[in-house]
Amino acid sequence: MKVKPDYAICELADLQKRQSLSFTLNVKDEVVSGFLVVTEQGFRAYKNSCPHWGVELNWKPDEFFNVDFTHLLCSVHGALFKPDDGECVFGPCVRQRLEPIPVKVIDGTVYYSGK
């Protein structure tokens, strides 16, 4: 019998139907607020916090991409981030990065894999 982690985020199939998905988990004594995005290499997870001001990136639930789906967009000041590595390529935080969140897939479910 396989032992699964406690922190399930979503089914991988549900993520693949969308381009992005926000989540909040209570991990021990910490709240982890993040989002998953589908990329050319699969998917990535990031903390939902702009490195410039610490504000959430999305202005609507589960919407993190710009209009042409090429970059992640900070809704507060328009910074653009590469989906594959979280690097800011436009805006006040150029060359800074979104903070990655460790995740893994087990039996088709995406889990938080930190702590």
Foldseek 3Di string as FASTA:
>chain_A
DDDDDDFFFFFLVVCVVDQKAWDWDCDPPDIFTWMWGQDPVGIFIFGQADPPHGHGQDPDGGDQADPVRQFGARPPFGFTAGRVWQATCDDDRHRDGTHTFDWDDDPRIIGGDDD
